[in-house]
């Protein structure tokens, strides 16, 4: 729960960037906001995202904003890109962890603005 000295409002800023490459080189499709551009969720896109996890830049940005607002380590420290267990991970697990940490501190998201 929120500590007596915690501010009522916190603001976080997050950003993320990943290279796009051929599907062969990337080894995975482009995922944006939980939507996979592989022909299943959305039309197939000829490029994929070069990343250790699924590389979802929207989820990663929001996760970093939540963690930053809480003065916590960023996504790369909590979920390092050299952890083989996280290879190809769905970024939803990162979002769930950030949300859990936020909720445990007694906070909720009031608004979220994302630029792609």
C-alpha atoms as a PDB file:
ATOM      1  CA  UNK A   1       0.000   0.000   0.000  1.00  0.00           C
ATOM      2  CA  UNK A   2       0.918   3.610  -0.420  1.00  0.00           C
ATOM      3  CA  UNK A   3       3.301   4.803   2.284  1.00  0.00           C
ATOM      4  CA  UNK A   4       2.380   7.900   4.256  1.00  0.00           C
ATOM      5  CA  UNK A   5       5.167   9.892   2.555  1.00  0.00           C
ATOM      6  CA  UNK A   6       4.410   8.788  -1.031  1.00  0.00           C
ATOM      7  CA  UNK A   7       3.055  11.527  -3.330  1.00  0.00           C
ATOM      8  CA  UNK A   8      -0.568  11.173  -4.431  1.00  0.00           C
ATOM      9  CA  UNK A   9       0.341  11.624  -8.096  1.00  0.00           C
ATOM     10  CA  UNK A  10       3.385  10.284  -9.895  1.00  0.00           C
ATOM     11  CA  UNK A  11       4.395  10.784 -13.510  1.00  0.00           C
ATOM     12  CA  UNK A  12       6.563   8.393 -15.471  1.00  0.00           C
ATOM     13  CA  UNK A  13       8.075   8.537 -18.938  1.00  0.00           C
ATOM     14  CA  UNK A  14       9.111   5.501 -20.921  1.00  0.00           C
ATOM     15  CA  UNK A  15      10.405   4.845 -24.409  1.00  0.00           C
ATOM     16  CA  UNK A  16      11.630   1.874 -26.353  1.00  0.00           C
ATOM     17  CA  UNK A  17      13.230   1.219 -29.701  1.00  0.00           C
ATOM     18  CA  UNK A  18      14.011  -1.967 -31.593  1.00  0.00           C
ATOM     19  CA  UNK A  19      15.421  -2.530 -35.049  1.00  0.00           C
ATOM     20  CA  UNK A  20      13.268  -3.986 -37.792  1.00  0.00           C
ATOM     21  CA  UNK A  21      14.790  -6.611 -40.051  1.00  0.00           C
ATOM     22  CA  UNK A  22      13.687  -9.309 -42.453  1.00  0.00           C
ATOM     23  CA  UNK A  23      11.623 -12.034 -40.817  1.00  0.00           C
ATOM     24  CA  UNK A  24      14.515 -14.415 -41.419  1.00  0.00           C
ATOM     25  CA  UNK A  25      16.994 -12.172 -39.605  1.00  0.00           C
ATOM     26  CA  UNK A  26      14.629 -11.098 -36.797  1.00  0.00           C
ATOM     27  CA  UNK A  27      13.311 -14.600 -36.225  1.00  0.00           C
ATOM     28  CA  UNK A  28       9.963 -13.267 -35.032  1.00  0.00           C
ATOM     29  CA  UNK A  29       7.133 -11.050 -36.252  1.00  0.00           C
ATOM     30  CA  UNK A  30       6.540  -7.414 -35.415  1.00  0.00           C
ATOM     31  CA  UNK A  31       4.367  -7.017 -32.282  1.00  0.00           C
ATOM     32  CA  UNK A  32       2.856  -3.627 -31.411  1.00  0.00           C
ATOM     33  CA  UNK A  33       0.530  -3.154 -28.462  1.00  0.00           C
ATOM     34  CA  UNK A  34       0.037  -6.891 -28.081  1.00  0.00           C
ATOM     35  CA  UNK A  35      -0.942  -7.288 -31.740  1.00  0.00           C
ATOM     36  CA  UNK A  36       1.210  -9.628 -33.818  1.00  0.00           C
ATOM     37  CA  UNK A  37       1.653  -8.592 -37.455  1.00  0.00           C
ATOM     38  CA  UNK A  38       2.121 -12.158 -38.680  1.00  0.00           C
ATOM     39  CA  UNK A  39      -1.232 -12.663 -40.367  1.00  0.00           C
ATOM     40  CA  UNK A  40      -2.981 -14.037 -37.264  1.00  0.00           C
ATOM     41  CA  UNK A  41      -3.945 -10.888 -35.286  1.00  0.00           C
ATOM     42  CA  UNK A  42      -3.288  -8.380 -38.042  1.00  0.00           C
ATOM     43  CA  UNK A  43      -2.073  -8.433 -41.648  1.00  0.00           C
ATOM     44  CA  UNK A  44       1.369  -9.941 -42.085  1.00  0.00           C
ATOM     45  CA  UNK A  45       4.242  -7.455 -42.293  1.00  0.00           C
ATOM     46  CA  UNK A  46       7.401  -8.370 -44.181  1.00  0.00           C
ATOM     47  CA  UNK A  47       9.729  -7.273 -41.368  1.00  0.00           C
ATOM     48  CA  UNK A  48      10.143  -8.588 -37.853  1.00  0.00           C
ATOM     49  CA  UNK A  49      11.441  -7.090 -34.630  1.00  0.00           C
ATOM     50  CA  UNK A  50      15.009  -7.744 -33.516  1.00  0.00           C
ATOM     51  CA  UNK A  51      14.675  -8.269 -29.757  1.00  0.00           C
ATOM     52  CA  UNK A  52      15.250 -10.761 -26.966  1.00  0.00           C
ATOM     53  CA  UNK A  53      11.559 -10.742 -25.997  1.00  0.00           C
ATOM     54  CA  UNK A  54       8.784 -10.110 -28.531  1.00  0.00           C
ATOM     55  CA  UNK A  55      10.043  -6.501 -28.717  1.00  0.00           C
ATOM     56  CA  UNK A  56       6.636  -4.855 -28.255  1.00  0.00           C
ATOM     57  CA  UNK A  57       7.652  -1.177 -28.163  1.00  0.00           C
ATOM     58  CA  UNK A  58       4.270   0.000 -26.851  1.00  0.00           C
ATOM     59  CA  UNK A  59       4.209  -2.419 -23.917  1.00  0.00           C
ATOM     60  CA  UNK A  60       7.882  -1.789 -23.143  1.00  0.00           C
ATOM     61  CA  UNK A  61       7.361   1.996 -23.142  1.00  0.00           C
ATOM     62  CA  UNK A  62       4.351   1.806 -20.827  1.00  0.00           C
ATOM     63  CA  UNK A  63       6.141  -0.644 -18.501  1.00  0.00           C
ATOM     64  CA  UNK A  64       9.133   1.714 -18.260  1.00  0.00           C
ATOM     65  CA  UNK A  65       6.811   4.665 -17.580  1.00  0.00           C
ATOM     66  CA  UNK A  66       5.084   2.782 -14.745  1.00  0.00           C
ATOM     67  CA  UNK A  67       8.375   1.646 -13.238  1.00  0.00           C
ATOM     68  CA  UNK A  68       9.888   5.114 -13.615  1.00  0.00           C
ATOM     69  CA  UNK A  69       6.936   6.734 -11.870  1.00  0.00           C
ATOM     70  CA  UNK A  70       7.501   4.337  -8.970  1.00  0.00           C
ATOM     71  CA  UNK A  71      11.261   5.104  -8.910  1.00  0.00           C
ATOM     72  CA  UNK A  72      11.963   1.448  -9.634  1.00  0.00           C
ATOM     73  CA  UNK A  73      14.559  -0.164 -11.914  1.00  0.00           C
ATOM     74  CA  UNK A  74      13.715  -0.105 -15.617  1.00  0.00           C
ATOM     75  CA  UNK A  75      12.479  -3.003 -17.724  1.00  0.00           C
ATOM     76  CA  UNK A  76      16.013  -4.007 -18.749  1.00  0.00           C
ATOM     77  CA  UNK A  77      17.080  -4.435 -15.145  1.00  0.00           C
ATOM     78  CA  UNK A  78      13.977  -6.386 -14.115  1.00  0.00           C
ATOM     79  CA  UNK A  79      13.921  -8.491 -17.272  1.00  0.00           C
ATOM     80  CA  UNK A  80      17.502  -8.619 -18.624  1.00  0.00           C
ATOM     81  CA  UNK A  81      18.040  -9.449 -22.281  1.00  0.00           C
ATOM     82  CA  UNK A  82      20.665 -12.033 -21.363  1.00  0.00           C
ATOM     83  CA  UNK A  83      18.184 -14.192 -19.423  1.00  0.00           C
ATOM     84  CA  UNK A  84      17.513 -17.240 -21.627  1.00  0.00           C
ATOM     85  CA  UNK A  85      14.161 -17.829 -19.874  1.00  0.00           C
ATOM     86  CA  UNK A  86      12.884 -14.566 -21.387  1.00  0.00           C
ATOM     87  CA  UNK A  87      13.863 -15.339 -24.991  1.00  0.00           C
ATOM     88  CA  UNK A  88      10.822 -14.630 -27.169  1.00  0.00           C
ATOM     89  CA  UNK A  89       8.692 -13.702 -24.133  1.00  0.00           C
ATOM     90  CA  UNK A  90       5.285 -12.131 -24.587  1.00  0.00           C
ATOM     91  CA  UNK A  91       5.676  -8.576 -23.236  1.00  0.00           C
ATOM     92  CA  UNK A  92       2.364  -8.983 -21.451  1.00  0.00           C
ATOM     93  CA  UNK A  93       4.308 -10.622 -18.595  1.00  0.00           C
ATOM     94  CA  UNK A  94       6.335  -7.406 -18.196  1.00  0.00           C
ATOM     95  CA  UNK A  95       3.147  -5.335 -18.166  1.00  0.00           C
ATOM     96  CA  UNK A  96       1.556  -7.637 -15.587  1.00  0.00           C
ATOM     97  CA  UNK A  97       4.589  -7.327 -13.304  1.00  0.00           C
ATOM     98  CA  UNK A  98       4.696  -3.523 -13.601  1.00  0.00           C
ATOM     99  CA  UNK A  99       0.949  -3.314 -12.936  1.00  0.00           C
ATOM    100  CA  UNK A 100       1.285  -5.587  -9.902  1.00  0.00           C
ATOM    101  CA  UNK A 101       4.074  -3.436  -8.461  1.00  0.00           C
ATOM    102  CA  UNK A 102       2.057  -0.277  -9.101  1.00  0.00           C
ATOM    103  CA  UNK A 103      -1.087  -1.710  -7.495  1.00  0.00           C
ATOM    104  CA  UNK A 104       0.841  -2.974  -4.474  1.00  0.00           C
ATOM    105  CA  UNK A 105       2.020   0.599  -3.887  1.00  0.00           C
ATOM    106  CA  UNK A 106      -1.582   1.863  -4.022  1.00  0.00           C
ATOM    107  CA  UNK A 107      -1.371   3.605  -7.385  1.00  0.00           C
ATOM    108  CA  UNK A 108      -3.442   3.384 -10.554  1.00  0.00           C
ATOM    109  CA  UNK A 109      -2.972   4.793 -14.048  1.00  0.00           C
ATOM    110  CA  UNK A 110      -4.913   8.013 -14.552  1.00  0.00           C
ATOM    111  CA  UNK A 111      -3.999   8.430 -18.199  1.00  0.00           C
ATOM    112  CA  UNK A 112      -1.444   7.166 -20.663  1.00  0.00           C
ATOM    113  CA  UNK A 113      -0.260   8.852 -23.842  1.00  0.00           C
ATOM    114  CA  UNK A 114       1.815   6.792 -26.282  1.00  0.00           C
ATOM    115  CA  UNK A 115       3.515   7.926 -29.489  1.00  0.00           C
ATOM    116  CA  UNK A 116       4.615   5.299 -31.996  1.00  0.00           C
END
